[in-house]
Amino acid sequence: AKNDMEPRAYVDMISSRFDALCKALG
């Protein structure tokens, strides 16, 4: 809500960042 997003769209965005971190860390 603070980011003016629906929960599903928000979690899709943030989850992808955690997956990207896994890849960045090897």
mmCIF file of all heavy atoms, coordinates in Angstrom:
data_MODEL
# 
_entry.id   MODEL 
# 
loop_
_atom_site.group_PDB 
_atom_site.id 
_atom_site.type_symbol 
_atom_site.label_atom_id 
_atom_site.label_alt_id 
_atom_site.label_comp_id 
_atom_site.label_asym_id 
_atom_site.label_entity_id 
_atom_site.label_seq_id 
_atom_site.pdbx_PDB_ins_code 
_atom_site.Cartn_x 
_atom_site.Cartn_y 
_atom_site.Cartn_z 
_atom_site.occupancy 
_atom_site.B_iso_or_equiv 
_atom_site.pdbx_formal_charge 
_atom_site.auth_seq_id 
_atom_site.auth_comp_id 
_atom_site.auth_asym_id 
_atom_site.auth_atom_id 
_atom_site.pdbx_PDB_model_num 
ATOM 1   N N   . ALA A 1 1  ? 0.825  -1.210  0.000   1.00 0.00 ? 1  ALA A N   1 
ATOM 2   C CA  . ALA A 1 1  ? 0.000  0.000   0.000   1.00 0.00 ? 1  ALA A CA  1 
ATOM 3   C C   . ALA A 1 1  ? 0.857  1.258   0.000   1.00 0.00 ? 1  ALA A C   1 
ATOM 4   O O   . ALA A 1 1  ? 0.552  2.242   -0.691  1.00 0.00 ? 1  ALA A O   1 
ATOM 5   C CB  . ALA A 1 1  ? -0.924 -0.010  1.214   1.00 0.00 ? 1  ALA A CB  1 
ATOM 6   N N   . LYS A 1 2  ? 1.937  1.217   0.756   1.00 0.00 ? 2  LYS A N   1 
ATOM 7   C CA  . LYS A 1 2  ? 2.838  2.375   0.828   1.00 0.00 ? 2  LYS A CA  1 
ATOM 8   C C   . LYS A 1 2  ? 3.465  2.663   -0.536  1.00 0.00 ? 2  LYS A C   1 
ATOM 9   O O   . LYS A 1 2  ? 3.801  3.804   -0.860  1.00 0.00 ? 2  LYS A O   1 
ATOM 10  C CB  . LYS A 1 2  ? 3.934  2.106   1.871   1.00 0.00 ? 2  LYS A CB  1 
ATOM 11  C CG  . LYS A 1 2  ? 4.751  3.325   2.261   1.00 0.00 ? 2  LYS A CG  1 
ATOM 12  C CD  . LYS A 1 2  ? 5.782  2.978   3.335   1.00 0.00 ? 2  LYS A CD  1 
ATOM 13  C CE  . LYS A 1 2  ? 5.110  2.664   4.660   1.00 0.00 ? 2  LYS A CE  1 
ATOM 14  N NZ  . LYS A 1 2  ? 6.107  2.426   5.742   1.00 0.00 ? 2  LYS A NZ  1 
ATOM 15  N N   . ASN A 1 3  ? 3.623  1.624   -1.339  1.00 0.00 ? 3  ASN A N   1 
ATOM 16  C CA  . ASN A 1 3  ? 4.198  1.779   -2.679  1.00 0.00 ? 3  ASN A CA  1 
ATOM 17  C C   . ASN A 1 3  ? 3.129  1.906   -3.769  1.00 0.00 ? 3  ASN A C   1 
ATOM 18  O O   . ASN A 1 3  ? 3.437  1.815   -4.957  1.00 0.00 ? 3  ASN A O   1 
ATOM 19  C CB  . ASN A 1 3  ? 5.106  0.586   -2.996  1.00 0.00 ? 3  ASN A CB  1 
ATOM 20  C CG  . ASN A 1 3  ? 6.437  0.656   -2.274  1.00 0.00 ? 3  ASN A CG  1 
ATOM 21  O OD1 . ASN A 1 3  ? 7.388  1.252   -2.756  1.00 0.00 ? 3  ASN A OD1 1 
ATOM 22  N ND2 . ASN A 1 3  ? 6.501  0.043   -1.099  1.00 0.00 ? 3  ASN A ND2 1 
ATOM 23  N N   . ASP A 1 4  ? 1.867  2.095   -3.326  1.00 0.00 ? 4  ASP A N   1 
ATOM 24  C CA  . ASP A 1 4  ? 0.742  2.242   -4.263  1.00 0.00 ? 4  ASP A CA  1 
ATOM 25  C C   . ASP A 1 4  ? 0.662  1.069   -5.237  1.00 0.00 ? 4  ASP A C   1 
ATOM 26  O O   . ASP A 1 4  ? 0.468  1.233   -6.442  1.00 0.00 ? 4  ASP A O   1 
ATOM 27  C CB  . ASP A 1 4  ? 0.852  3.561   -5.053  1.00 0.00 ? 4  ASP A CB  1 
ATOM 28  C CG  . ASP A 1 4  ? 0.718  4.776   -4.155  1.00 0.00 ? 4  ASP A CG  1 
ATOM 29  O OD1 . ASP A 1 4  ? -0.124 4.730   -3.237  1.00 0.00 ? 4  ASP A OD1 1 
ATOM 30  O OD2 . ASP A 1 4  ? 1.448  5.751   -4.370  1.00 0.00 ? 4  ASP A OD2 1 
ATOM 31  N N   . MET A 1 5  ? 0.818  -0.125  -4.701  1.00 0.00 ? 5  MET A N   1 
ATOM 32  C CA  . MET A 1 5  ? 0.777  -1.332  -5.520  1.00 0.00 ? 5  MET A CA  1 
ATOM 33  C C   . MET A 1 5  ? -0.165 -2.347  -4.902  1.00 0.00 ? 5  MET A C   1 
ATOM 34  O O   . MET A 1 5  ? -0.379 -2.360  -3.676  1.00 0.00 ? 5  MET A O   1 
ATOM 35  C CB  . MET A 1 5  ? 2.179  -1.953  -5.650  1.00 0.00 ? 5  MET A CB  1 
ATOM 36  C CG  . MET A 1 5  ? 3.199  -1.071  -6.331  1.00 0.00 ? 5  MET A CG  1 
ATOM 37  S SD  . MET A 1 5  ? 4.859  -1.837  -6.364  1.00 0.00 ? 5  MET A SD  1 
ATOM 38  C CE  . MET A 1 5  ? 4.605  -3.110  -7.617  1.00 0.00 ? 5  MET A CE  1 
ATOM 39  N N   . GLU A 1 6  ? -0.714 -3.209  -5.749  1.00 0.00 ? 6  GLU A N   1 
ATOM 40  C CA  . GLU A 1 6  ? -1.455 -4.363  -5.258  1.00 0.00 ? 6  GLU A CA  1 
ATOM 41  C C   . GLU A 1 6  ? -0.451 -5.347  -4.649  1.00 0.00 ? 6  GLU A C   1 
ATOM 42  O O   . GLU A 1 6  ? 0.688  -5.445  -5.124  1.00 0.00 ? 6  GLU A O   1 
ATOM 43  C CB  . GLU A 1 6  ? -2.224 -5.031  -6.394  1.00 0.00 ? 6  GLU A CB  1 
ATOM 44  C CG  . GLU A 1 6  ? -3.394 -4.217  -6.911  1.00 0.00 ? 6  GLU A CG  1 
ATOM 45  C CD  . GLU A 1 6  ? -4.449 -4.021  -5.842  1.00 0.00 ? 6  GLU A CD  1 
ATOM 46  O OE1 . GLU A 1 6  ? -4.774 -5.001  -5.126  1.00 0.00 ? 6  GLU A OE1 1 
ATOM 47  O OE2 . GLU A 1 6  ? -4.945 -2.882  -5.715  1.00 0.00 ? 6  GLU A OE2 1 
ATOM 48  N N   . PRO A 1 7  ? -0.873 -6.082  -3.607  1.00 0.00 ? 7  PRO A N   1 
ATOM 49  C CA  . PRO A 1 7  ? 0.071  -7.006  -2.963  1.00 0.00 ? 7  PRO A CA  1 
ATOM 50  C C   . PRO A 1 7  ? 0.761  -7.962  -3.921  1.00 0.00 ? 7  PRO A C   1 
ATOM 51  O O   . PRO A 1 7  ? 1.975  -8.178  -3.833  1.00 0.00 ? 7  PRO A O   1 
ATOM 52  C CB  . PRO A 1 7  ? -0.803 -7.752  -1.946  1.00 0.00 ? 7  PRO A CB  1 
ATOM 53  C CG  . PRO A 1 7  ? -1.872 -6.777  -1.605  1.00 0.00 ? 7  PRO A CG  1 
ATOM 54  C CD  . PRO A 1 7  ? -2.160 -6.038  -2.878  1.00 0.00 ? 7  PRO A CD  1 
ATOM 55  N N   . ARG A 1 8  ? 0.015  -8.542  -4.880  1.00 0.00 ? 8  ARG A N   1 
ATOM 56  C CA  . ARG A 1 8  ? 0.628  -9.522  -5.772  1.00 0.00 ? 8  ARG A CA  1 
ATOM 57  C C   . ARG A 1 8  ? 1.711  -8.895  -6.631  1.00 0.00 ? 8  ARG A C   1 
ATOM 58  O O   . ARG A 1 8  ? 2.802  -9.467  -6.799  1.00 0.00 ? 8  ARG A O   1 
ATOM 59  C CB  . ARG A 1 8  ? -0.443 -10.158 -6.671  1.00 0.00 ? 8  ARG A CB  1 
ATOM 60  C CG  . ARG A 1 8  ? 0.118  -11.218 -7.621  1.00 0.00 ? 8  ARG A CG  1 
ATOM 61  C CD  . ARG A 1 8  ? 0.547  -12.462 -6.872  1.00 0.00 ? 8  ARG A CD  1 
ATOM 62  N NE  . ARG A 1 8  ? 1.642  -13.148 -7.511  1.00 0.00 ? 8  ARG A NE  1 
ATOM 63  C CZ  . ARG A 1 8  ? 1.895  -14.440 -7.351  1.00 0.00 ? 8  ARG A CZ  1 
ATOM 64  N NH1 . ARG A 1 8  ? 1.142  -15.178 -6.578  1.00 0.00 ? 8  ARG A NH1 1 
ATOM 65  N NH2 . ARG A 1 8  ? 2.929  -14.996 -7.945  1.00 0.00 ? 8  ARG A NH2 1 
ATOM 66  N N   . ALA A 1 9  ? 1.447  -7.718  -7.172  1.00 0.00 ? 9  ALA A N   1 
ATOM 67  C CA  . ALA A 1 9  ? 2.455  -7.049  -8.004  1.00 0.00 ? 9  ALA A CA  1 
ATOM 68  C C   . ALA A 1 9  ? 3.669  -6.669  -7.158  1.00 0.00 ? 9  ALA A C   1 
ATOM 69  O O   . ALA A 1 9  ? 4.819  -6.781  -7.608  1.00 0.00 ? 9  ALA A O   1 
ATOM 70  C CB  . ALA A 1 9  ? 1.851  -5.804  -8.650  1.00 0.00 ? 9  ALA A CB  1 
ATOM 71  N N   . TYR A 1 10 ? 3.405  -6.253  -5.926  1.00 0.00 ? 10 TYR A N   1 
ATOM 72  C CA  . TYR A 1 10 ? 4.505  -5.857  -5.041  1.00 0.00 ? 10 TYR A CA  1 
ATOM 73  C C   . TYR A 1 10 ? 5.399  -7.047  -4.707  1.00 0.00 ? 10 TYR A C   1 
ATOM 74  O O   . TYR A 1 10 ? 6.635  -6.967  -4.801  1.00 0.00 ? 10 TYR A O   1 
ATOM 75  C CB  . TYR A 1 10 ? 3.953  -5.243  -3.753  1.00 0.00 ? 10 TYR A CB  1 
ATOM 76  C CG  . TYR A 1 10 ? 5.012  -4.912  -2.742  1.00 0.00 ? 10 TYR A CG  1 
ATOM 77  C CD1 . TYR A 1 10 ? 5.808  -3.789  -2.871  1.00 0.00 ? 10 TYR A CD1 1 
ATOM 78  C CD2 . TYR A 1 10 ? 5.230  -5.766  -1.658  1.00 0.00 ? 10 TYR A CD2 1 
ATOM 79  C CE1 . TYR A 1 10 ? 6.801  -3.505  -1.939  1.00 0.00 ? 10 TYR A CE1 1 
ATOM 80  C CE2 . TYR A 1 10 ? 6.220  -5.493  -0.730  1.00 0.00 ? 10 TYR A CE2 1 
ATOM 81  C CZ  . TYR A 1 10 ? 7.002  -4.367  -0.879  1.00 0.00 ? 10 TYR A CZ  1 
ATOM 82  O OH  . TYR A 1 10 ? 7.983  -4.092  0.040   1.00 0.00 ? 10 TYR A OH  1 
ATOM 83  N N   . VAL A 1 11 ? 4.798  -8.178  -4.323  1.00 0.00 ? 11 VAL A N   1 
ATOM 84  C CA  . VAL A 1 11 ? 5.630  -9.334  -3.941  1.00 0.00 ? 11 VAL A CA  1 
ATOM 85  C C   . VAL A 1 11 ? 6.370  -9.895  -5.149  1.00 0.00 ? 11 VAL A C   1 
ATOM 86  O O   . VAL A 1 11 ? 7.490  -10.397 -5.003  1.00 0.00 ? 11 VAL A O   1 
ATOM 87  C CB  . VAL A 1 11 ? 4.799  -10.438 -3.229  1.00 0.00 ? 11 VAL A CB  1 
ATOM 88  C CG1 . VAL A 1 11 ? 4.191  -9.899  -1.949  1.00 0.00 ? 11 VAL A CG1 1 
ATOM 89  C CG2 . VAL A 1 11 ? 3.745  -11.047 -4.134  1.00 0.00 ? 11 VAL A CG2 1 
ATOM 90  N N   . ASP A 1 12 ? 5.773  -9.807  -6.334  1.00 0.00 ? 12 ASP A N   1 
ATOM 91  C CA  . ASP A 1 12 ? 6.484  -10.246 -7.540  1.00 0.00 ? 12 ASP A CA  1 
ATOM 92  C C   . ASP A 1 12 ? 7.760  -9.420  -7.726  1.00 0.00 ? 12 ASP A C   1 
ATOM 93  O O   . ASP A 1 12 ? 8.829  -9.959  -8.049  1.00 0.00 ? 12 ASP A O   1 
ATOM 94  C CB  . ASP A 1 12 ? 5.602  -10.090 -8.773  1.00 0.00 ? 12 ASP A CB  1 
ATOM 95  C CG  . ASP A 1 12 ? 4.514  -11.156 -8.862  1.00 0.00 ? 12 ASP A CG  1 
ATOM 96  O OD1 . ASP A 1 12 ? 4.577  -12.138 -8.093  1.00 0.00 ? 12 ASP A OD1 1 
ATOM 97  O OD2 . ASP A 1 12 ? 3.600  -10.985 -9.699  1.00 0.00 ? 12 ASP A OD2 1 
ATOM 98  N N   . MET A 1 13 ? 7.634  -8.106  -7.524  1.00 0.00 ? 13 MET A N   1 
ATOM 99  C CA  . MET A 1 13 ? 8.779  -7.207  -7.707  1.00 0.00 ? 13 MET A CA  1 
ATOM 100 C C   . MET A 1 13 ? 9.880  -7.486  -6.682  1.00 0.00 ? 13 MET A C   1 
ATOM 101 O O   . MET A 1 13 ? 11.054 -7.649  -7.050  1.00 0.00 ? 13 MET A O   1 
ATOM 102 C CB  . MET A 1 13 ? 8.320  -5.756  -7.588  1.00 0.00 ? 13 MET A CB  1 
ATOM 103 C CG  . MET A 1 13 ? 9.454  -4.737  -7.670  1.00 0.00 ? 13 MET A CG  1 
ATOM 104 S SD  . MET A 1 13 ? 8.912  -3.041  -7.349  1.00 0.00 ? 13 MET A SD  1 
ATOM 105 C CE  . MET A 1 13 ? 8.598  -3.089  -5.570  1.00 0.00 ? 13 MET A CE  1 
ATOM 106 N N   . ILE A 1 14 ? 9.511  -7.571  -5.400  1.00 0.00 ? 14 ILE A N   1 
ATOM 107 C CA  . ILE A 1 14 ? 10.528 -7.747  -4.352  1.00 0.00 ? 14 ILE A CA  1 
ATOM 108 C C   . ILE A 1 14 ? 11.123 -9.144  -4.395  1.00 0.00 ? 14 ILE A C   1 
ATOM 109 O O   . ILE A 1 14 ? 12.337 -9.333  -4.226  1.00 0.00 ? 14 ILE A O   1 
ATOM 110 C CB  . ILE A 1 14 ? 9.949  -7.437  -2.961  1.00 0.00 ? 14 ILE A CB  1 
ATOM 111 C CG1 . ILE A 1 14 ? 9.438  -5.997  -2.897  1.00 0.00 ? 14 ILE A CG1 1 
ATOM 112 C CG2 . ILE A 1 14 ? 11.017 -7.651  -1.888  1.00 0.00 ? 14 ILE A CG2 1 
ATOM 113 C CD1 . ILE A 1 14 ? 10.497 -4.932  -3.068  1.00 0.00 ? 14 ILE A CD1 1 
ATOM 114 N N   . SER A 1 15 ? 10.303 -10.157 -4.635  1.00 0.00 ? 15 SER A N   1 
ATOM 115 C CA  . SER A 1 15 ? 10.825 -11.524 -4.709  1.00 0.00 ? 15 SER A CA  1 
ATOM 116 C C   . SER A 1 15 ? 11.874 -11.648 -5.802  1.00 0.00 ? 15 SER A C   1 
ATOM 117 O O   . SER A 1 15 ? 12.898 -12.330 -5.620  1.00 0.00 ? 15 SER A O   1 
ATOM 118 C CB  . SER A 1 15 ? 9.681  -12.511 -4.954  1.00 0.00 ? 15 SER A CB  1 
ATOM 119 O OG  . SER A 1 15 ? 10.170 -13.830 -5.041  1.00 0.00 ? 15 SER A OG  1 
ATOM 120 N N   . SER A 1 16 ? 11.641 -10.989 -6.929  1.00 0.00 ? 16 SER A N   1 
ATOM 121 C CA  . SER A 1 16 ? 12.606 -11.061 -8.031  1.00 0.00 ? 16 SER A CA  1 
ATOM 122 C C   . SER A 1 16 ? 13.952 -10.476 -7.626  1.00 0.00 ? 16 SER A C   1 
ATOM 123 O O   . SER A 1 16 ? 15.000 -10.906 -8.106  1.00 0.00 ? 16 SER A O   1 
ATOM 124 C CB  . SER A 1 16 ? 12.068 -10.345 -9.267  1.00 0.00 ? 16 SER A CB  1 
ATOM 125 O OG  . SER A 1 16 ? 11.994 -8.942  -9.061  1.00 0.00 ? 16 SER A OG  1 
ATOM 126 N N   . ARG A 1 17 ? 13.939 -9.519  -6.721  1.00 0.00 ? 17 ARG A N   1 
ATOM 127 C CA  . ARG A 1 17 ? 15.206 -8.931  -6.246  1.00 0.00 ? 17 ARG A CA  1 
ATOM 128 C C   . ARG A 1 17 ? 15.983 -9.918  -5.379  1.00 0.00 ? 17 ARG A C   1 
ATOM 129 O O   . ARG A 1 17 ? 17.215 -9.946  -5.414  1.00 0.00 ? 17 ARG A O   1 
ATOM 130 C CB  . ARG A 1 17 ? 14.930 -7.645  -5.460  1.00 0.00 ? 17 ARG A CB  1 
ATOM 131 C CG  . ARG A 1 17 ? 14.336 -6.519  -6.303  1.00 0.00 ? 17 ARG A CG  1 
ATOM 132 C CD  . ARG A 1 17 ? 14.312 -5.227  -5.524  1.00 0.00 ? 17 ARG A CD  1 
ATOM 133 N NE  . ARG A 1 17 ? 13.598 -4.179  -6.243  1.00 0.00 ? 17 ARG A NE  1 
ATOM 134 C CZ  . ARG A 1 17 ? 13.424 -2.941  -5.786  1.00 0.00 ? 17 ARG A CZ  1 
ATOM 135 N NH1 . ARG A 1 17 ? 13.917 -2.604  -4.591  1.00 0.00 ? 17 ARG A NH1 1 
ATOM 136 N NH2 . ARG A 1 17 ? 12.766 -2.051  -6.486  1.00 0.00 ? 17 ARG A NH2 1 
ATOM 137 N N   . PHE A 1 18 ? 15.268 -10.719 -4.602  1.00 0.00 ? 18 PHE A N   1 
ATOM 138 C CA  . PHE A 1 18 ? 15.957 -11.729 -3.791  1.00 0.00 ? 18 PHE A CA  1 
ATOM 139 C C   . PHE A 1 18 ? 16.549 -12.823 -4.675  1.00 0.00 ? 18 PHE A C   1 
ATOM 140 O O   . PHE A 1 18 ? 17.655 -13.300 -4.425  1.00 0.00 ? 18 PHE A O   1 
ATOM 141 C CB  . PHE A 1 18 ? 15.003 -12.318 -2.751  1.00 0.00 ? 18 PHE A CB  1 
ATOM 142 C CG  . PHE A 1 18 ? 14.826 -11.445 -1.542  1.00 0.00 ? 18 PHE A CG  1 
ATOM 143 C CD1 . PHE A 1 18 ? 13.789 -10.539 -1.470  1.00 0.00 ? 18 PHE A CD1 1 
ATOM 144 C CD2 . PHE A 1 18 ? 15.712 -11.506 -0.483  1.00 0.00 ? 18 PHE A CD2 1 
ATOM 145 C CE1 . PHE A 1 18 ? 13.623 -9.716  -0.364  1.00 0.00 ? 18 PHE A CE1 1 
ATOM 146 C CE2 . PHE A 1 18 ? 15.571 -10.698 0.632   1.00 0.00 ? 18 PHE A CE2 1 
ATOM 147 C CZ  . PHE A 1 18 ? 14.509 -9.802  0.694   1.00 0.00 ? 18 PHE A CZ  1 
ATOM 148 N N   . ASP A 1 19 ? 15.815 -13.210 -5.708  1.00 0.00 ? 19 ASP A N   1 
ATOM 149 C CA  . ASP A 1 19 ? 16.348 -14.198 -6.642  1.00 0.00 ? 19 ASP A CA  1 
ATOM 150 C C   . ASP A 1 19 ? 17.569 -13.629 -7.368  1.00 0.00 ? 19 ASP A C   1 
ATOM 151 O O   . ASP A 1 19 ? 18.574 -14.333 -7.577  1.00 0.00 ? 19 ASP A O   1 
ATOM 152 C CB  . ASP A 1 19 ? 15.261 -14.588 -7.646  1.00 0.00 ? 19 ASP A CB  1 
ATOM 153 C CG  . ASP A 1 19 ? 15.580 -15.871 -8.391  1.00 0.00 ? 19 ASP A CG  1 
ATOM 154 O OD1 . ASP A 1 19 ? 16.484 -16.611 -7.967  1.00 0.00 ? 19 ASP A OD1 1 
ATOM 155 O OD2 . ASP A 1 19 ? 14.929 -16.137 -9.410  1.00 0.00 ? 19 ASP A OD2 1 
ATOM 156 N N   . ALA A 1 20 ? 17.497 -12.350 -7.732  1.00 0.00 ? 20 ALA A N   1 
ATOM 157 C CA  . ALA A 1 20 ? 18.636 -11.695 -8.398  1.00 0.00 ? 20 ALA A CA  1 
ATOM 158 C C   . ALA A 1 20 ? 19.846 -11.644 -7.474  1.00 0.00 ? 20 ALA A C   1 
ATOM 159 O O   . ALA A 1 20 ? 20.997 -11.784 -7.922  1.00 0.00 ? 20 ALA A O   1 
ATOM 160 C CB  . ALA A 1 20 ? 18.247 -10.289 -8.846  1.00 0.00 ? 20 ALA A CB  1 
ATOM 161 N N   . LEU A 1 21 ? 19.610 -11.445 -6.173  1.00 0.00 ? 21 LEU A N   1 
ATOM 162 C CA  . LEU A 1 21 ? 20.718 -11.431 -5.213  1.00 0.00 ? 21 LEU A CA  1 
ATOM 163 C C   . LEU A 1 21 ? 21.394 -12.800 -5.160  1.00 0.00 ? 21 LEU A C   1 
ATOM 164 O O   . LEU A 1 21 ? 22.631 -12.884 -5.102  1.00 0.00 ? 21 LEU A O   1 
ATOM 165 C CB  . LEU A 1 21 ? 20.216 -11.035 -3.819  1.00 0.00 ? 21 LEU A CB  1 
ATOM 166 C CG  . LEU A 1 21 ? 21.260 -11.066 -2.708  1.00 0.00 ? 21 LEU A CG  1 
ATOM 167 C CD1 . LEU A 1 21 ? 22.379 -10.059 -2.964  1.00 0.00 ? 21 LEU A CD1 1 
ATOM 168 C CD2 . LEU A 1 21 ? 20.613 -10.792 -1.345  1.00 0.00 ? 21 LEU A CD2 1 
ATOM 169 N N   . CYS A 1 22 ? 20.611 -13.866 -5.182  1.00 0.00 ? 22 CYS A N   1 
ATOM 170 C CA  . CYS A 1 22 ? 21.191 -15.217 -5.197  1.00 0.00 ? 22 CYS A CA  1 
ATOM 171 C C   . CYS A 1 22 ? 22.145 -15.370 -6.379  1.00 0.00 ? 22 CYS A C   1 
ATOM 172 O O   . CYS A 1 22 ? 23.258 -15.896 -6.232  1.00 0.00 ? 22 CYS A O   1 
ATOM 173 C CB  . CYS A 1 22 ? 20.097 -16.273 -5.280  1.00 0.00 ? 22 CYS A CB  1 
ATOM 174 S SG  . CYS A 1 22 ? 19.075 -16.424 -3.811  1.00 0.00 ? 22 CYS A SG  1 
ATOM 175 N N   . LYS A 1 23 ? 21.709 -14.914 -7.529  1.00 0.00 ? 23 LYS A N   1 
ATOM 176 C CA  . LYS A 1 23 ? 22.539 -15.035 -8.726  1.00 0.00 ? 23 LYS A CA  1 
ATOM 177 C C   . LYS A 1 23 ? 23.772 -14.149 -8.629  1.00 0.00 ? 23 LYS A C   1 
ATOM 178 O O   . LYS A 1 23 ? 24.884 -14.557 -9.002  1.00 0.00 ? 23 LYS A O   1 
ATOM 179 C CB  . LYS A 1 23 ? 21.708 -14.680 -9.961  1.00 0.00 ? 23 LYS A CB  1 
ATOM 180 C CG  . LYS A 1 23 ? 20.602 -15.695 -10.269 1.00 0.00 ? 23 LYS A CG  1 
ATOM 181 C CD  . LYS A 1 23 ? 19.771 -15.270 -11.458 1.00 0.00 ? 23 LYS A CD  1 
ATOM 182 C CE  . LYS A 1 23 ? 18.797 -16.362 -11.879 1.00 0.00 ? 23 LYS A CE  1 
ATOM 183 N NZ  . LYS A 1 23 ? 17.794 -16.694 -10.854 1.00 0.00 ? 23 LYS A NZ  1 
ATOM 184 N N   . ALA A 1 24 ? 23.600 -12.927 -8.111  1.00 0.00 ? 24 ALA A N   1 
ATOM 185 C CA  . ALA A 1 24 ? 24.729 -11.993 -7.994  1.00 0.00 ? 24 ALA A CA  1 
ATOM 186 C C   . ALA A 1 24 ? 25.790 -12.510 -7.033  1.00 0.00 ? 24 ALA A C   1 
ATOM 187 O O   . ALA A 1 24 ? 26.986 -12.265 -7.220  1.00 0.00 ? 24 ALA A O   1 
ATOM 188 C CB  . ALA A 1 24 ? 24.230 -10.622 -7.541  1.00 0.00 ? 24 ALA A CB  1 
ATOM 189 N N   . LEU A 1 25 ? 25.373 -13.235 -5.998  1.00 0.00 ? 25 LEU A N   1 
ATOM 190 C CA  . LEU A 1 25 ? 26.309 -13.773 -5.011  1.00 0.00 ? 25 LEU A CA  1 
ATOM 191 C C   . LEU A 1 25 ? 26.944 -15.091 -5.464  1.00 0.00 ? 25 LEU A C   1 
ATOM 192 O O   . LEU A 1 25 ? 27.816 -15.620 -4.782  1.00 0.00 ? 25 LEU A O   1 
ATOM 193 C CB  . LEU A 1 25 ? 25.592 -14.001 -3.672  1.00 0.00 ? 25 LEU A CB  1 
ATOM 194 C CG  . LEU A 1 25 ? 25.210 -12.758 -2.878  1.00 0.00 ? 25 LEU A CG  1 
ATOM 195 C CD1 . LEU A 1 25 ? 24.249 -13.130 -1.748  1.00 0.00 ? 25 LEU A CD1 1 
ATOM 196 C CD2 . LEU A 1 25 ? 26.445 -12.057 -2.308  1.00 0.00 ? 25 LEU A CD2 1 
ATOM 197 N N   . GLY A 1 26 ? 26.493 -15.629 -6.582  1.00 0.00 ? 26 GLY A N   1 
ATOM 198 C CA  . GLY A 1 26 ? 27.027 -16.904 -7.050  1.00 0.00 ? 26 GLY A CA  1 
ATOM 199 C C   . GLY A 1 26 ? 26.523 -18.076 -6.244  1.00 0.00 ? 26 GLY A C   1 
ATOM 200 O O   . GLY A 1 26 ? 27.226 -19.081 -6.088  1.00 0.00 ? 26 GLY A O   1 
# 
